[in-house]
Amino acid sequence: MKKYHVYGIGNALVDMEFEVEDSFLEKMKVDKGLMTLVDEARQHELIADLDIFEGKKASGGSAANTIIAVSYFGGKSFYSCKVSNDELGDFYVNDLQAAGVDSNVGDGRKDGVTGKCLVMVTPDAERTMNTFLGITETFSVDELHQDALLDSEYLYIEGYLVTSPTGRHAAIEARKMAEEAGVKTALTFSDPAMVQFFKDGLKEMIGERVNLLFCNEAEAKSWAGTDDLQQAIESIKNIADTFAITLGGKGALLFDGKHQIEISPHTVKAVDSNGAGDMFAGAFLYGITQGHSFYEAGNIASLAAAKVVGQFGPRLNAAAHKEVLDIVMG
């Protein structure tokens, strides 16, 4: 039996989340609904204006949110990432530990700036992110923990790593290690912009194919170059043995290797869409590594993602995870 259910690799970012009006995005010339990489000066400019809004802070990064969800549901998880020896780095390490996630970021952190992601949420619940990667941009094979990876059921790769040459190389090497050792591979596209601008890099990270792929409807269609969801599904089958495509308010569509499975949505008043896809992946990975069927895991993931959308912030507290399991599994 493996020590970890999921070993994840991805960016380590301290999320700083704010509720803003559309007029703020227009004034600051921020592209709504996308993740945009910015330099530190631009981020400081935005933070100066965001001081008038109330915000909150949490350890983040797409894969980190997923791995923390696995842990809160009761799974065992490990996260490889890179933070610096600064105040936000300390905050990040302590937050991972509090969530019960093992990681490589203990002692020996290097000087630098820990990455930050400004998450701006508008009244329509759309999330817009401006990210300064800081030291996480240099995430590399040096941060991989081979023993933990090989002692895991799944390797989970964050698609955002494609933007960094060293991060992309680390993802490729981690996938190769997993494949050679019989560890299942999972990858998320992360954001429509990753598919649009970094498709060739994602192909390198995927290799011949992965065991499990996560994406949303826009990413699936963009990957396939089509507006037809069924055509996109057929295209995804060429790169993944199984997959989960989230459909927002329409639920999700799963493929278990043989059958398409429709997962019903949960009605919720949308407050903040940030973290919904990350939570879906975390809940789903927890479900299938605990022996649940794709249908059961999909229902756990659908409810958990809906609860995230219905609150402000990308993560649920520990108790909310148990509530989800109690509702879905009885």
Protein backbone atom coordinates (compact mmCIF):
# COMPACT_ATOMS: atom_id res chain seq x y z
CA MET A 1 0.00 0.00 0.00
CA LYS A 2 1.34 3.41 -0.99
CA LYS A 3 2.06 6.06 1.65
CA TYR A 4 0.39 8.86 -0.31
CA HIS A 5 -2.80 8.95 -2.32
CA VAL A 6 -1.68 11.97 -4.36
CA TYR A 7 1.71 13.61 -4.94
CA GLY A 8 1.29 17.04 -6.47
CA ILE A 9 3.64 19.50 -8.15
CA GLY A 10 2.84 23.09 -8.95
CA ASN A 11 3.27 26.73 -8.12
CA ALA A 12 3.36 27.95 -4.54
CA LEU A 13 1.55 31.27 -4.34
CA VAL A 14 0.07 33.15 -1.43
CA ASP A 15 -3.42 34.03 -2.62
CA MET A 16 -4.59 37.52 -1.70
CA GLU A 17 -8.27 37.72 -2.56
CA PHE A 18 -10.38 40.85 -2.92
CA GLU A 19 -13.97 41.66 -3.84
CA VAL A 20 -13.97 44.37 -6.51
CA GLU A 21 -16.31 46.03 -8.98
CA ASP A 22 -15.95 45.68 -12.74
CA SER A 23 -15.08 49.38 -12.81
CA PHE A 24 -11.90 48.64 -10.84
CA LEU A 25 -10.73 46.12 -13.48
CA GLU A 26 -11.49 48.63 -16.22
CA LYS A 27 -9.70 51.44 -14.40
CA MET A 28 -6.61 49.29 -13.78
CA LYS A 29 -6.72 47.80 -17.30
CA VAL A 30 -6.97 44.22 -16.01
CA ASP A 31 -8.24 41.49 -18.37
CA LYS A 32 -11.32 40.05 -16.68
CA GLY A 33 -11.68 36.31 -16.11
CA LEU A 34 -8.10 35.35 -16.95
CA MET A 35 -4.88 34.55 -15.13
CA THR A 36 -2.30 37.10 -16.21
CA LEU A 37 1.38 36.93 -15.26
CA VAL A 38 2.70 40.30 -14.08
CA ASP A 39 5.99 41.61 -12.73
CA GLU A 40 6.47 42.67 -9.12
CA ALA A 41 6.14 46.39 -9.89
CA ARG A 42 2.77 45.90 -11.56
CA GLN A 43 1.55 43.78 -8.66
CA HIS A 44 2.59 46.47 -6.16
CA GLU A 45 0.66 49.01 -8.25
CA LEU A 46 -2.46 46.87 -8.02
CA ILE A 47 -2.00 46.15 -4.30
CA ALA A 48 -1.76 49.88 -3.60
CA ASP A 49 -5.20 50.39 -5.13
CA LEU A 50 -6.63 47.21 -3.61
CA ASP A 51 -5.86 48.48 -0.11
CA ILE A 52 -9.30 50.10 -0.11
CA PHE A 53 -10.92 46.66 -0.43
CA GLU A 54 -11.12 44.02 2.25
CA GLY A 55 -9.03 40.97 1.38
CA LYS A 56 -7.89 37.70 2.87
CA LYS A 57 -4.79 35.56 2.55
CA ALA A 58 -4.26 31.80 2.06
CA SER A 59 -1.63 29.46 0.71
CA GLY A 60 -2.53 28.72 -2.86
CA GLY A 61 -1.54 27.84 -6.33
CA SER A 62 -3.94 25.67 -8.31
CA ALA A 63 -2.41 22.29 -7.46
CA ALA A 64 -1.86 23.33 -3.84
CA ASN A 65 -5.60 23.94 -3.44
CA THR A 66 -6.24 20.49 -4.91
CA ILE A 67 -3.70 18.72 -2.71
CA ILE A 68 -5.00 20.49 0.42
CA ALA A 69 -8.52 19.34 -0.46
CA VAL A 70 -7.34 15.73 -0.72
CA SER A 71 -5.86 16.06 2.76
CA TYR A 72 -8.92 17.72 4.31
CA PHE A 73 -11.16 14.98 2.93
CA GLY A 74 -8.98 12.45 4.75
CA GLY A 75 -6.46 11.42 2.10
CA LYS A 76 -2.68 11.47 2.41
CA SER A 77 -0.94 13.96 0.17
CA PHE A 78 2.48 15.45 -0.59
CA TYR A 79 3.19 18.72 -2.37
CA SER A 80 6.44 19.71 -4.07
CA CYS A 81 6.79 23.44 -4.61
CA LYS A 82 9.15 26.37 -4.03
CA VAL A 83 8.84 29.28 -1.63
CA SER A 84 11.54 31.60 -0.35
CA ASN A 85 12.96 32.32 3.08
CA ASP A 86 10.66 35.29 3.73
CA GLU A 87 7.55 36.09 5.77
CA LEU A 88 5.11 34.85 3.11
CA GLY A 89 7.20 31.71 2.70
CA ASP A 90 6.85 31.04 6.43
CA PHE A 91 3.11 31.61 6.15
CA TYR A 92 2.90 29.19 3.23
CA VAL A 93 4.81 26.40 4.96
CA ASN A 94 2.74 26.75 8.14
CA ASP A 95 -0.51 26.70 6.14
CA LEU A 96 0.48 23.47 4.36
CA GLN A 97 1.41 21.85 7.66
CA ALA A 98 -1.86 22.94 9.28
CA ALA A 99 -3.73 21.24 6.42
CA GLY A 100 -1.86 17.97 7.03
CA VAL A 101 0.07 18.10 3.74
CA ASP A 102 3.64 16.78 3.67
CA SER A 103 6.02 18.81 1.50
CA ASN A 104 9.59 19.51 0.46
CA VAL A 105 9.56 23.09 1.81
CA GLY A 106 10.92 22.68 5.29
CA ASP A 107 14.39 23.95 6.08
CA GLY A 108 16.91 25.31 3.61
CA ARG A 109 14.65 27.72 1.73
CA LYS A 110 16.54 30.19 -0.45
CA ASP A 111 16.38 33.97 -0.29
CA GLY A 112 14.01 35.60 -2.72
CA VAL A 113 10.38 36.59 -2.98
CA THR A 114 7.56 34.11 -2.43
CA GLY A 115 5.03 34.29 -5.26
CA LYS A 116 1.72 36.08 -4.82
CA CYS A 117 -1.55 35.84 -6.69
CA LEU A 118 -4.00 38.73 -6.54
CA VAL A 119 -7.47 37.27 -6.97
CA MET A 120 -10.08 39.87 -7.83
CA VAL A 121 -13.68 38.69 -7.62
CA THR A 122 -16.45 40.72 -9.25
CA PRO A 123 -20.15 40.68 -8.24
CA ASP A 124 -20.92 38.10 -10.98
CA ALA A 125 -18.60 35.67 -9.09
CA GLU A 126 -16.03 35.73 -11.91
CA ARG A 127 -12.45 35.48 -10.70
CA THR A 128 -9.61 37.42 -12.30
CA MET A 129 -6.02 36.69 -11.30
CA ASN A 130 -2.83 38.70 -11.63
CA THR A 131 0.14 36.60 -10.60
CA PHE A 132 3.72 37.46 -9.75
CA LEU A 133 5.44 34.08 -9.63
CA GLY A 134 8.50 35.17 -7.67
CA ILE A 135 10.72 32.26 -6.68
CA THR A 136 8.16 29.66 -7.80
CA GLU A 137 9.04 30.58 -11.39
CA THR A 138 12.30 28.70 -10.82
CA PHE A 139 10.57 25.52 -9.60
CA SER A 140 12.69 22.72 -11.04
CA VAL A 141 13.65 19.06 -10.78
CA ASP A 142 15.58 20.04 -7.63
CA GLU A 143 12.25 20.41 -5.83
CA LEU A 144 11.01 16.95 -6.83
CA HIS A 145 10.91 14.41 -4.00
CA GLN A 146 11.37 11.12 -5.82
CA ASP A 147 10.77 8.87 -2.81
CA ALA A 148 7.41 10.52 -2.10
CA LEU A 149 6.43 10.45 -5.79
CA LEU A 150 7.16 6.74 -6.13
CA ASP A 151 5.26 6.04 -2.90
CA SER A 152 2.07 7.64 -4.26
CA GLU A 153 -0.93 6.31 -6.16
CA TYR A 154 -1.21 9.41 -8.37
CA LEU A 155 1.09 12.15 -9.61
CA TYR A 156 -0.89 15.37 -10.11
CA ILE A 157 0.62 18.02 -12.41
CA GLU A 158 -0.50 21.65 -12.53
CA GLY A 159 -0.81 23.01 -16.06
CA TYR A 160 0.42 26.45 -15.00
CA LEU A 161 3.94 24.99 -14.77
CA VAL A 162 4.05 25.15 -18.57
CA THR A 163 4.85 28.89 -18.41
CA SER A 164 8.24 28.27 -16.77
CA PRO A 165 11.00 26.41 -18.68
CA THR A 166 12.32 24.81 -15.49
CA GLY A 167 8.81 24.05 -14.26
CA ARG A 168 7.84 22.44 -17.55
CA HIS A 169 11.01 20.32 -17.48
CA ALA A 170 10.27 19.25 -13.90
CA ALA A 171 6.74 18.23 -14.89
CA ILE A 172 8.06 16.15 -17.79
CA GLU A 173 10.65 14.44 -15.60
CA ALA A 174 8.10 13.75 -12.86
CA ARG A 175 5.74 12.19 -15.41
CA LYS A 176 8.53 9.97 -16.73
CA MET A 177 9.44 8.86 -13.18
CA ALA A 178 5.80 8.05 -12.49
CA GLU A 179 5.34 6.13 -15.73
CA GLU A 180 8.44 4.02 -15.12
CA ALA A 181 7.30 3.20 -11.57
CA GLY A 182 3.67 2.48 -12.42
CA VAL A 183 2.37 5.57 -10.59
CA LYS A 184 -0.77 6.90 -12.28
CA THR A 185 -0.49 10.32 -13.90
CA ALA A 186 -3.01 13.15 -13.71
CA LEU A 187 -2.80 16.65 -15.16
CA THR A 188 -4.99 19.73 -15.17
CA PHE A 189 -5.00 22.28 -18.00
CA SER A 190 -5.45 24.93 -15.26
CA ASP A 191 -6.66 27.86 -17.39
CA PRO A 192 -7.91 28.56 -20.93
CA ALA A 193 -4.88 30.81 -21.50
CA MET A 194 -2.53 27.85 -20.92
CA VAL A 195 -4.20 25.93 -23.74
CA GLN A 196 -4.38 28.97 -25.99
CA PHE A 197 -0.78 30.14 -25.62
CA PHE A 198 1.20 27.11 -24.37
CA LYS A 199 -0.37 24.12 -26.12
CA ASP A 200 2.92 22.73 -27.42
CA GLY A 201 4.37 22.87 -23.92
CA LEU A 202 1.35 21.07 -22.50
CA LYS A 203 1.80 18.37 -25.14
CA GLU A 204 5.36 17.87 -23.89
CA MET A 205 4.12 17.60 -20.31
CA ILE A 206 1.44 15.08 -21.29
CA GLY A 207 3.77 12.94 -23.39
CA GLU A 208 1.94 10.12 -25.18
CA ARG A 209 -0.99 10.36 -22.75
CA VAL A 210 -1.89 10.69 -19.08
CA ASN A 211 -4.12 8.41 -17.04
CA LEU A 212 -6.44 11.22 -15.92
CA LEU A 213 -7.04 14.74 -17.23
CA PHE A 214 -8.99 17.59 -15.66
CA CYS A 215 -10.25 20.56 -17.65
CA ASN A 216 -13.26 22.80 -18.07
CA GLU A 217 -15.46 23.10 -21.14
CA ALA A 218 -13.64 26.12 -22.56
CA GLU A 219 -10.25 24.42 -22.20
CA ALA A 220 -11.49 21.20 -23.80
CA LYS A 221 -12.92 23.03 -26.80
CA SER A 222 -9.82 25.18 -27.17
CA TRP A 223 -7.58 22.10 -27.09
CA ALA A 224 -9.60 20.48 -29.85
CA GLY A 225 -10.10 23.69 -31.84
CA THR A 226 -13.85 23.23 -31.95
CA ASP A 227 -17.08 24.68 -30.53
CA ASP A 228 -18.61 21.20 -30.36
CA LEU A 229 -18.24 19.54 -26.96
CA GLN A 230 -18.57 15.99 -28.30
CA GLN A 231 -15.79 16.62 -30.82
CA ALA A 232 -13.67 17.99 -27.97
CA ILE A 233 -14.36 14.83 -25.95
CA GLU A 234 -13.14 12.64 -28.80
CA SER A 235 -9.99 14.76 -29.05
CA ILE A 236 -9.31 14.47 -25.31
CA LYS A 237 -9.55 10.69 -25.58
CA ASN A 238 -6.37 10.81 -27.68
CA ILE A 239 -4.33 12.19 -24.77
CA ALA A 240 -6.01 10.77 -21.65
CA ASP A 241 -7.25 7.33 -20.59
CA THR A 242 -9.89 8.95 -18.39
CA PHE A 243 -10.98 12.54 -17.80
CA ALA A 244 -13.28 14.98 -16.07
CA ILE A 245 -14.66 18.03 -17.88
CA THR A 246 -16.36 20.55 -15.61
CA LEU A 247 -19.30 22.38 -17.15
CA GLY A 248 -19.91 25.17 -14.62
CA GLY A 249 -23.59 25.39 -13.73
CA LYS A 250 -24.33 22.37 -15.94
CA GLY A 251 -22.37 19.92 -13.77
CA ALA A 252 -19.60 17.79 -15.19
CA LEU A 253 -18.91 15.12 -17.79
CA LEU A 254 -16.66 12.17 -16.93
CA PHE A 255 -15.09 9.42 -19.02
CA ASP A 256 -14.01 6.32 -17.09
CA GLY A 257 -12.22 4.69 -20.02
CA LYS A 258 -15.37 3.05 -21.35
CA HIS A 259 -18.41 5.21 -20.66
CA GLN A 260 -19.35 8.87 -20.53
CA ILE A 261 -20.92 9.74 -17.19
CA GLU A 262 -23.01 12.86 -16.58
CA ILE A 263 -22.70 14.46 -13.15
CA SER A 264 -25.56 16.71 -12.07
CA PRO A 265 -24.86 20.23 -10.84
CA HIS A 266 -25.79 21.53 -7.40
CA THR A 267 -27.79 24.75 -7.38
CA VAL A 268 -25.94 27.46 -5.53
CA LYS A 269 -25.90 31.25 -5.44
CA ALA A 270 -22.54 31.98 -7.01
CA VAL A 271 -20.33 34.22 -4.90
CA ASP A 272 -16.80 33.41 -6.08
CA SER A 273 -15.70 30.94 -8.76
CA ASN A 274 -12.06 30.98 -7.64
CA GLY A 275 -10.87 27.50 -6.69
CA ALA A 276 -13.91 25.59 -7.97
CA GLY A 277 -11.93 23.56 -10.49
CA ASP A 278 -9.15 22.93 -7.99
CA MET A 279 -11.66 21.64 -5.45
CA PHE A 280 -13.35 19.45 -8.06
CA ALA A 281 -10.02 17.81 -8.85
CA GLY A 282 -9.12 17.35 -5.19
CA ALA A 283 -12.46 15.84 -4.25
CA PHE A 284 -12.44 13.59 -7.31
CA LEU A 285 -8.91 12.35 -6.66
CA TYR A 286 -9.84 11.67 -3.05
CA GLY A 287 -12.89 9.71 -4.19
CA ILE A 288 -11.19 7.43 -6.70
CA THR A 289 -8.22 6.74 -4.43
CA GLN A 290 -10.67 5.64 -1.71
CA GLY A 291 -12.24 3.05 -4.00
CA HIS A 292 -15.27 5.05 -5.09
CA SER A 293 -16.57 4.78 -8.65
CA PHE A 294 -16.19 7.64 -11.12
CA TYR A 295 -19.89 8.41 -10.59
CA GLU A 296 -19.54 8.55 -6.80
CA ALA A 297 -16.31 10.55 -6.96
CA GLY A 298 -17.92 12.92 -9.45
CA ASN A 299 -20.84 13.57 -7.12
CA ILE A 300 -18.50 14.29 -4.21
CA ALA A 301 -16.52 16.66 -6.46
CA SER A 302 -19.62 18.38 -7.84
CA LEU A 303 -21.03 19.19 -4.39
CA ALA A 304 -17.64 20.28 -3.02
CA ALA A 305 -17.06 22.61 -6.00
CA ALA A 306 -20.55 24.09 -5.59
CA LYS A 307 -19.85 24.83 -1.94
CA VAL A 308 -16.65 26.64 -2.94
CA VAL A 309 -18.53 28.74 -5.51
CA GLY A 310 -21.11 29.63 -2.85
CA GLN A 311 -18.56 31.27 -0.55
CA PHE A 312 -15.77 33.81 -0.72
CA GLY A 313 -12.36 32.10 -1.04
CA PRO A 314 -10.88 29.11 -2.93
CA ARG A 315 -10.98 26.54 -0.12
CA LEU A 316 -13.44 25.02 2.34
CA ASN A 317 -12.68 24.67 6.02
CA ALA A 318 -11.93 21.20 7.38
CA ALA A 319 -15.45 20.60 8.72
CA ALA A 320 -17.09 21.42 5.38
CA HIS A 321 -15.26 18.52 3.72
CA LYS A 322 -16.81 16.05 6.16
CA GLU A 323 -20.23 17.59 5.54
CA VAL A 324 -19.83 17.00 1.80
CA LEU A 325 -18.98 13.34 2.35
CA ASP A 326 -21.88 12.90 4.79
CA ILE A 327 -24.33 14.34 2.26
CA VAL A 328 -23.11 12.41 -0.79
CA MET A 329 -22.23 9.10 0.82
CA GLY A 330 -24.93 9.11 3.48
